[in-house]
Protein backbone atom coordinates (compact mmCIF):
# COMPACT_ATOMS: atom_id res chain seq x y z
CA MET A 1 -15.07 -11.82 -0.72
CA SER A 2 -12.66 -8.76 1.17
CA VAL A 3 -9.19 -7.60 1.20
CA ILE A 4 -7.13 -7.31 4.34
CA CYS A 5 -4.93 -4.39 4.23
CA PHE A 6 -1.89 -4.51 7.33
CA GLY A 7 0.19 -1.94 8.22
CA GLU A 8 -0.01 1.73 9.33
CA VAL A 9 -2.77 4.18 9.70
CA LEU A 10 -1.51 7.13 10.59
CA ILE A 11 -1.93 11.31 10.60
CA ASP A 12 -0.97 13.23 7.40
CA PHE A 13 -0.29 17.16 8.03
CA LEU A 14 -0.67 18.67 4.95
CA SER A 15 1.11 22.18 4.45
CA ASP A 16 -0.72 25.11 2.67
CA GLY A 17 2.69 25.93 0.78
CA LYS A 18 2.39 29.38 1.91
CA ILE A 19 4.72 31.48 4.69
CA PRO A 20 3.96 31.23 7.64
CA GLU A 21 3.00 27.38 6.41
CA SER A 22 0.24 26.06 8.25
CA PHE A 23 -0.87 22.35 8.23
CA THR A 24 -4.38 20.80 7.88
CA LYS A 25 -5.30 17.11 9.51
CA TYR A 26 -5.63 14.16 7.04
CA ALA A 27 -6.40 10.72 7.93
CA GLY A 28 -3.90 8.56 5.78
CA GLY A 29 -1.65 5.77 5.70
CA ALA A 30 -0.67 3.93 2.90
CA PRO A 31 -2.71 0.38 3.70
CA ALA A 32 -5.26 2.36 5.32
CA ASN A 33 -5.52 4.25 2.22
CA VAL A 34 -6.16 0.92 0.12
CA ALA A 35 -8.76 -0.18 3.01
CA VAL A 36 -10.67 3.21 2.29
CA ALA A 37 -10.44 2.90 -1.75
CA ILE A 38 -11.63 -0.70 -1.94
CA SER A 39 -14.98 0.54 0.24
CA LYS A 40 -15.18 3.63 -1.55
CA LEU A 41 -15.62 1.51 -4.78
CA GLN A 42 -18.27 -0.57 -2.86
CA GLY A 43 -15.87 -3.42 -2.23
CA GLU A 44 -15.52 -4.85 1.29
CA SER A 45 -12.18 -4.22 3.22
CA PHE A 46 -10.68 -4.74 6.34
CA PHE A 47 -8.10 -2.66 8.33
CA CYS A 48 -5.71 -4.67 10.49
CA GLY A 49 -3.07 -2.67 12.69
CA MET A 50 -2.49 -0.76 15.98
CA VAL A 51 -3.26 2.92 16.71
CA GLY A 52 -2.30 4.99 19.76
CA ASN A 53 -5.01 5.94 22.58
CA ASP A 54 -4.80 9.39 21.72
CA MET A 55 -6.78 11.94 19.86
CA PHE A 56 -5.40 10.98 16.56
CA GLY A 57 -6.03 7.30 17.20
CA HIS A 58 -9.53 7.84 17.77
CA PHE A 59 -9.77 10.20 14.74
CA LEU A 60 -8.52 7.57 12.72
CA LEU A 61 -10.65 4.75 13.69
CA GLU A 62 -13.74 7.32 13.05
CA GLN A 63 -12.54 8.21 9.42
CA LEU A 64 -11.98 4.54 8.63
CA GLN A 65 -15.24 3.30 9.95
CA CYS A 66 -16.98 6.36 8.19
CA TYR A 67 -15.73 5.22 4.87
CA GLY A 68 -17.00 1.98 5.47
CA VAL A 69 -13.62 -0.06 5.95
CA ASN A 70 -14.38 -2.93 9.04
CA THR A 71 -11.62 -2.02 12.22
CA GLN A 72 -12.90 -4.87 14.01
CA TRP A 73 -9.30 -6.23 14.03
CA VAL A 74 -7.72 -2.88 14.72
CA LYS A 75 -5.69 -2.46 18.21
CA VAL A 76 -5.18 0.13 20.14
CA THR A 77 -2.56 0.79 22.84
CA SER A 78 -1.61 2.92 25.39
CA VAL A 79 1.94 2.39 25.17
CA ALA A 80 2.71 4.73 21.89
CA LYS A 81 1.29 7.53 20.38
CA THR A 82 -0.31 7.32 16.70
CA ALA A 83 2.30 8.14 14.22
CA LEU A 84 2.34 11.21 12.50
CA ALA A 85 3.70 12.62 9.19
CA PHE A 86 3.98 16.12 7.84
CA VAL A 87 3.62 16.52 3.98
CA SER A 88 5.09 19.35 2.16
CA LEU A 89 3.87 19.83 -1.90
CA ASP A 90 5.74 21.36 -4.53
CA GLU A 91 4.01 23.05 -7.73
CA GLN A 92 3.59 19.70 -9.51
CA GLY A 93 2.14 18.28 -6.30
CA GLU A 94 5.13 16.03 -5.64
CA ARG A 95 5.50 15.19 -1.86
CA THR A 96 8.18 15.81 0.53
CA PHE A 97 7.60 13.85 4.03
CA SER A 98 8.78 14.73 7.77
CA PHE A 99 7.58 11.49 9.70
CA TYR A 100 7.12 11.07 13.49
CA ARG A 101 7.75 7.55 13.94
CA PRO A 102 9.54 5.79 15.68
CA PRO A 103 8.33 5.42 18.24
CA ALA A 104 4.61 4.81 17.52
CA ALA A 105 1.41 2.70 17.76
CA ASP A 106 1.73 0.79 14.59
CA LEU A 107 5.17 -0.56 15.11
CA LEU A 108 3.98 -2.13 18.28
CA PHE A 109 1.87 -4.87 16.56
CA ARG A 110 2.84 -8.22 17.03
CA ASN A 111 2.36 -11.84 15.68
CA THR A 112 -0.04 -12.53 18.32
CA ASP A 113 -2.39 -9.65 17.44
CA PHE A 114 -3.13 -11.51 14.26
CA SER A 115 -6.27 -13.53 14.85
CA PRO A 116 -6.96 -16.99 12.84
CA GLU A 117 -10.52 -15.60 12.37
CA LEU A 118 -9.63 -12.79 10.31
CA PHE A 119 -8.29 -14.87 7.68
CA LYS A 120 -11.40 -16.68 6.86
CA GLN A 121 -13.27 -13.56 5.80
CA ALA A 122 -10.89 -12.50 3.12
CA LYS A 123 -9.47 -13.12 -0.40
CA VAL A 124 -6.56 -10.74 -0.31
CA PHE A 125 -3.90 -9.70 2.39
CA HIS A 126 -2.16 -6.46 1.26
CA LEU A 127 0.96 -4.78 2.90
CA CYS A 128 3.66 -2.53 1.99
CA SER A 129 7.19 -2.20 3.25
CA ASN A 130 6.54 0.51 5.75
CA SER A 131 5.84 -2.45 8.46
CA LEU A 132 9.19 -3.65 7.89
CA THR A 133 11.55 -0.91 9.16
CA GLU A 134 11.87 -2.22 12.59
CA LYS A 135 12.71 -6.09 13.63
CA SER A 136 9.49 -6.60 15.75
CA ILE A 137 7.02 -5.14 13.32
CA TYR A 138 8.98 -6.95 10.40
CA HIS A 139 8.54 -10.38 12.14
CA ALA A 140 5.06 -9.30 12.73
CA SER A 141 4.35 -8.70 9.39
CA LEU A 142 6.26 -11.97 7.77
CA ALA A 143 4.14 -13.88 10.53
CA GLY A 144 0.74 -12.31 8.91
CA VAL A 145 1.91 -12.94 5.02
CA LYS A 146 2.44 -16.38 5.94
CA MET A 147 -0.69 -17.09 7.97
CA ALA A 148 -2.49 -15.47 5.00
CA LYS A 149 -0.89 -17.69 2.52
CA ASN A 150 -1.58 -20.67 4.53
CA ALA A 151 -5.66 -19.91 4.50
CA GLY A 152 -5.40 -19.87 0.80
CA LEU A 153 -5.26 -16.08 0.32
CA THR A 154 -3.52 -13.55 -2.05
CA ILE A 155 -0.79 -12.10 -1.02
CA SER A 156 -0.44 -8.26 -2.26
CA PHE A 157 2.78 -6.38 -1.64
CA ASP A 158 3.15 -2.90 -2.44
CA ILE A 159 6.96 -2.21 -2.02
CA ASN A 160 6.03 1.85 -0.98
CA LEU A 161 9.29 2.57 0.30
CA ARG A 162 9.87 5.46 2.50
CA LEU A 163 13.91 4.85 3.47
CA ASN A 164 13.77 7.63 6.24
CA LEU A 165 11.50 5.43 8.05
CA TRP A 166 14.43 3.23 8.13
CA PRO A 167 16.63 3.44 10.91
CA SER A 168 19.28 1.72 8.68
CA THR A 169 19.30 0.52 5.33
CA ARG A 170 21.13 -2.20 6.20
CA TYR A 171 18.43 -5.09 6.11
CA THR A 172 15.81 -3.09 3.78
CA ALA A 173 16.30 -5.15 0.50
CA GLU A 174 16.67 -8.20 2.72
CA ARG A 175 13.32 -8.05 4.33
CA ILE A 176 11.31 -6.60 1.19
CA TRP A 177 12.89 -10.06 -0.59
CA HIS A 178 11.57 -12.01 2.15
CA ILE A 179 8.04 -10.37 1.33
CA ILE A 180 8.53 -10.58 -2.06
CA GLY A 181 8.95 -14.37 -1.70
CA ASN A 182 5.43 -15.04 -0.39
CA ALA A 183 4.10 -12.40 -2.19
CA ASP A 184 1.70 -13.14 -5.78
CA ILE A 185 1.42 -9.83 -6.67
CA VAL A 186 4.16 -7.15 -6.13
CA LYS A 187 4.07 -3.62 -6.94
CA PHE A 188 7.07 -1.02 -7.54
CA ALA A 189 7.53 2.45 -8.31
CA GLN A 190 10.39 2.69 -11.19
CA GLU A 191 13.11 3.94 -8.24
CA GLU A 192 12.23 1.39 -5.53
CA LEU A 193 12.93 -1.59 -8.36
CA GLU A 194 15.78 0.52 -9.25
CA PHE A 195 16.93 0.43 -5.27
CA LEU A 196 16.39 -3.15 -5.20
CA CYS A 197 18.54 -4.03 -7.99
CA ASN A 198 21.45 -1.84 -6.63
CA ASN A 199 20.76 -3.11 -2.77
CA SER A 200 20.46 -6.42 -3.19
CA ASN A 201 23.42 -9.21 -2.09
CA LYS A 202 23.96 -9.27 -6.03
CA PRO A 203 23.53 -6.27 -8.32
CA SER A 204 21.39 -6.82 -10.96
CA THR A 205 19.50 -5.29 -14.02
CA LEU A 206 15.71 -4.48 -13.66
CA GLU A 207 15.21 -7.58 -15.96
CA GLN A 208 17.38 -9.52 -13.52
CA THR A 209 15.28 -8.37 -10.58
CA ILE A 210 11.92 -8.97 -12.23
CA ALA A 211 12.98 -12.55 -13.04
CA ARG A 212 14.16 -13.27 -9.68
CA CYS A 213 10.31 -11.94 -8.46
CA PHE A 214 9.43 -14.80 -10.54
CA GLU A 215 11.43 -17.24 -9.69
CA GLN A 216 10.00 -16.74 -6.00
CA GLY A 217 6.86 -17.54 -6.92
CA VAL A 218 5.35 -14.12 -7.69
CA LYS A 219 2.54 -14.25 -9.93
CA LEU A 220 2.32 -10.51 -11.48
CA VAL A 221 4.60 -7.75 -11.19
CA ILE A 222 3.64 -3.95 -11.56
CA VAL A 223 6.02 -1.14 -12.26
CA THR A 224 4.70 2.58 -12.08
CA ASN A 225 6.75 5.34 -13.46
CA GLY A 226 4.87 8.59 -12.99
CA ALA A 227 2.91 9.60 -15.62
CA LYS A 228 4.64 6.95 -18.05
CA PRO A 229 2.90 3.71 -19.20
CA ILE A 230 2.72 1.10 -16.53
CA SER A 231 4.62 -1.80 -17.20
CA VAL A 232 2.73 -4.95 -16.68
CA TYR A 233 4.51 -8.57 -15.95
CA THR A 234 3.94 -12.37 -16.19
CA ASP A 235 6.25 -14.93 -15.81
CA ASN A 236 6.63 -15.11 -19.23
CA GLN A 237 5.08 -11.91 -20.90
CA MET A 238 4.79 -7.98 -20.54
CA SER A 239 2.76 -5.55 -22.05
CA GLU A 240 1.99 -1.64 -20.87
CA VAL A 241 -0.99 0.04 -19.82
CA ALA A 242 -1.17 4.21 -20.79
CA ILE A 243 -2.05 6.90 -17.98
CA LYS A 244 -4.42 9.54 -18.73
CA PRO A 245 -2.46 12.66 -17.97
CA MET A 246 -3.96 14.60 -15.44
CA PRO A 247 -3.25 17.97 -13.70
CA ALA A 248 -1.70 16.81 -9.90
CA SER A 249 -2.81 18.97 -7.33
CA ASP A 250 -1.31 16.30 -4.80
CA THR A 251 0.11 12.96 -5.48
CA THR A 252 -0.15 11.76 -1.85
CA ALA A 253 -2.65 8.75 -2.36
CA ALA A 254 -2.32 8.16 -6.22
CA GLY A 255 -0.19 4.75 -6.06
CA ASP A 256 -2.68 3.57 -3.00
CA SER A 257 -5.44 4.03 -5.00
CA PHE A 258 -4.11 2.55 -8.27
CA ILE A 259 -3.19 -0.76 -6.36
CA ALA A 260 -6.78 -0.70 -4.60
CA GLY A 261 -8.39 -0.37 -7.90
CA VAL A 262 -6.54 -3.09 -9.11
CA LEU A 263 -7.16 -5.56 -6.22
CA PHE A 264 -10.83 -4.53 -6.16
CA ASP A 265 -11.17 -5.09 -9.70
CA LEU A 266 -9.71 -8.60 -9.62
CA VAL A 267 -11.78 -9.75 -6.80
CA LYS A 268 -14.84 -8.36 -8.59
CA ARG A 269 -14.19 -10.43 -11.47
CA GLN A 270 -13.08 -13.11 -9.63
CA ILE A 271 -9.95 -13.75 -11.48
CA ALA A 272 -7.69 -16.73 -9.83
CA ILE A 273 -3.97 -15.64 -9.66
CA ASP A 274 -3.02 -19.30 -9.99
CA GLY A 275 -3.38 -19.79 -13.76
CA ALA A 276 -4.09 -16.21 -14.41
CA GLN A 277 -2.88 -15.30 -18.04
CA LEU A 278 -1.44 -11.32 -18.76
CA ASN A 279 -4.72 -10.57 -20.36
CA ASP A 280 -6.63 -11.45 -17.25
CA TYR A 281 -4.75 -8.43 -15.42
CA LEU A 282 -5.06 -5.69 -17.88
CA PRO A 283 -8.47 -4.62 -17.44
CA SER A 284 -7.63 -4.19 -13.39
CA ILE A 285 -4.29 -2.34 -14.21
CA ALA A 286 -6.28 -0.21 -16.35
CA PHE A 287 -9.08 0.46 -13.87
CA GLY A 288 -6.16 1.01 -11.22
CA ALA A 289 -4.92 3.63 -13.40
CA GLN A 290 -8.33 5.41 -13.92
CA CYS A 291 -8.25 5.65 -9.79
CA ALA A 292 -5.24 6.93 -9.42
CA ALA A 293 -6.00 9.78 -12.42
CA ILE A 294 -8.77 11.17 -10.29
CA THR A 295 -7.02 10.64 -6.89
CA VAL A 296 -4.02 13.20 -8.29
CA THR A 297 -6.60 16.29 -8.98
CA ARG A 298 -7.41 16.15 -5.28
CA PHE A 299 -6.04 16.85 -1.92
CA GLY A 300 -5.40 14.47 1.10
CA SER A 301 -5.50 10.94 1.34
CA PHE A 302 -8.81 9.22 2.27
CA THR A 303 -10.94 12.48 0.85
CA ALA A 304 -8.61 12.16 -2.66
CA LEU A 305 -9.73 8.25 -3.36
CA PRO A 306 -12.67 8.19 -5.96
CA THR A 307 -16.12 6.79 -5.54
CA ALA A 308 -17.66 4.16 -7.71
CA GLN A 309 -19.63 7.14 -8.66
CA ASP A 310 -16.58 9.24 -9.66
CA LEU A 311 -15.58 6.42 -11.92
CA ASN A 312 -18.93 6.19 -13.87
């Protein structure tokens, strides 16, 4: 059974860090990275979204297909161009983004672009908050989540918050909570969890925010914090998984590689999200951490993601 990854696929122009500065074109976009990562691990993945009918959109489709991702549910439009992101790196491989979005093709995906057939072929539906930034794509994302949930799929939500993509933060926390309320697996980076604590209707502590996730039906909460141990929560247990320190060249797709490894391993081991215990999840968290550790040593997004052979 496969994983559906819904949302944006875009071009990452990665800086060489020199003066004068030049940029190299890479295929990227958080949910697209997850789809490619799962395929490179020899899993089955679908990418669902929209690209522009331009040279960048065609390049992205070719790249997804080259890595074995099923793209039959990708829409192509001439109404808007494919999204672009310019990425600069510091000496530790940490990123600074400049996005050319909106307008962008991925934001034009609508409820009616989902096919019921899509949800018959998968086990997991995965998305990020970058598909919540505009009202129309937010409604489409929520509709996709509910269709997937009604079809019995596990809903995976990586917050992956990029505040410079939001025209205003007025609705950011509210929309994130709407998706959390329909999710089974939620992944936060530490700073994303802190944002939600401080920007929800009622400010809360980290512990209260995590507890609220479980009150809304979430089964598994994962909190990453750079090179520090990963915190893993179920509704009644908590544990940590250590990360092997690696020299970072580029952290661009590390979080995507991590959640892809987690989802791939859960599906491979046939872990049923209903009724699973903390110890059922920990091997998948450790596997995801291995994937991320390899990814940060390489440049780019699709190109940086590990294969099954790399992990062996």
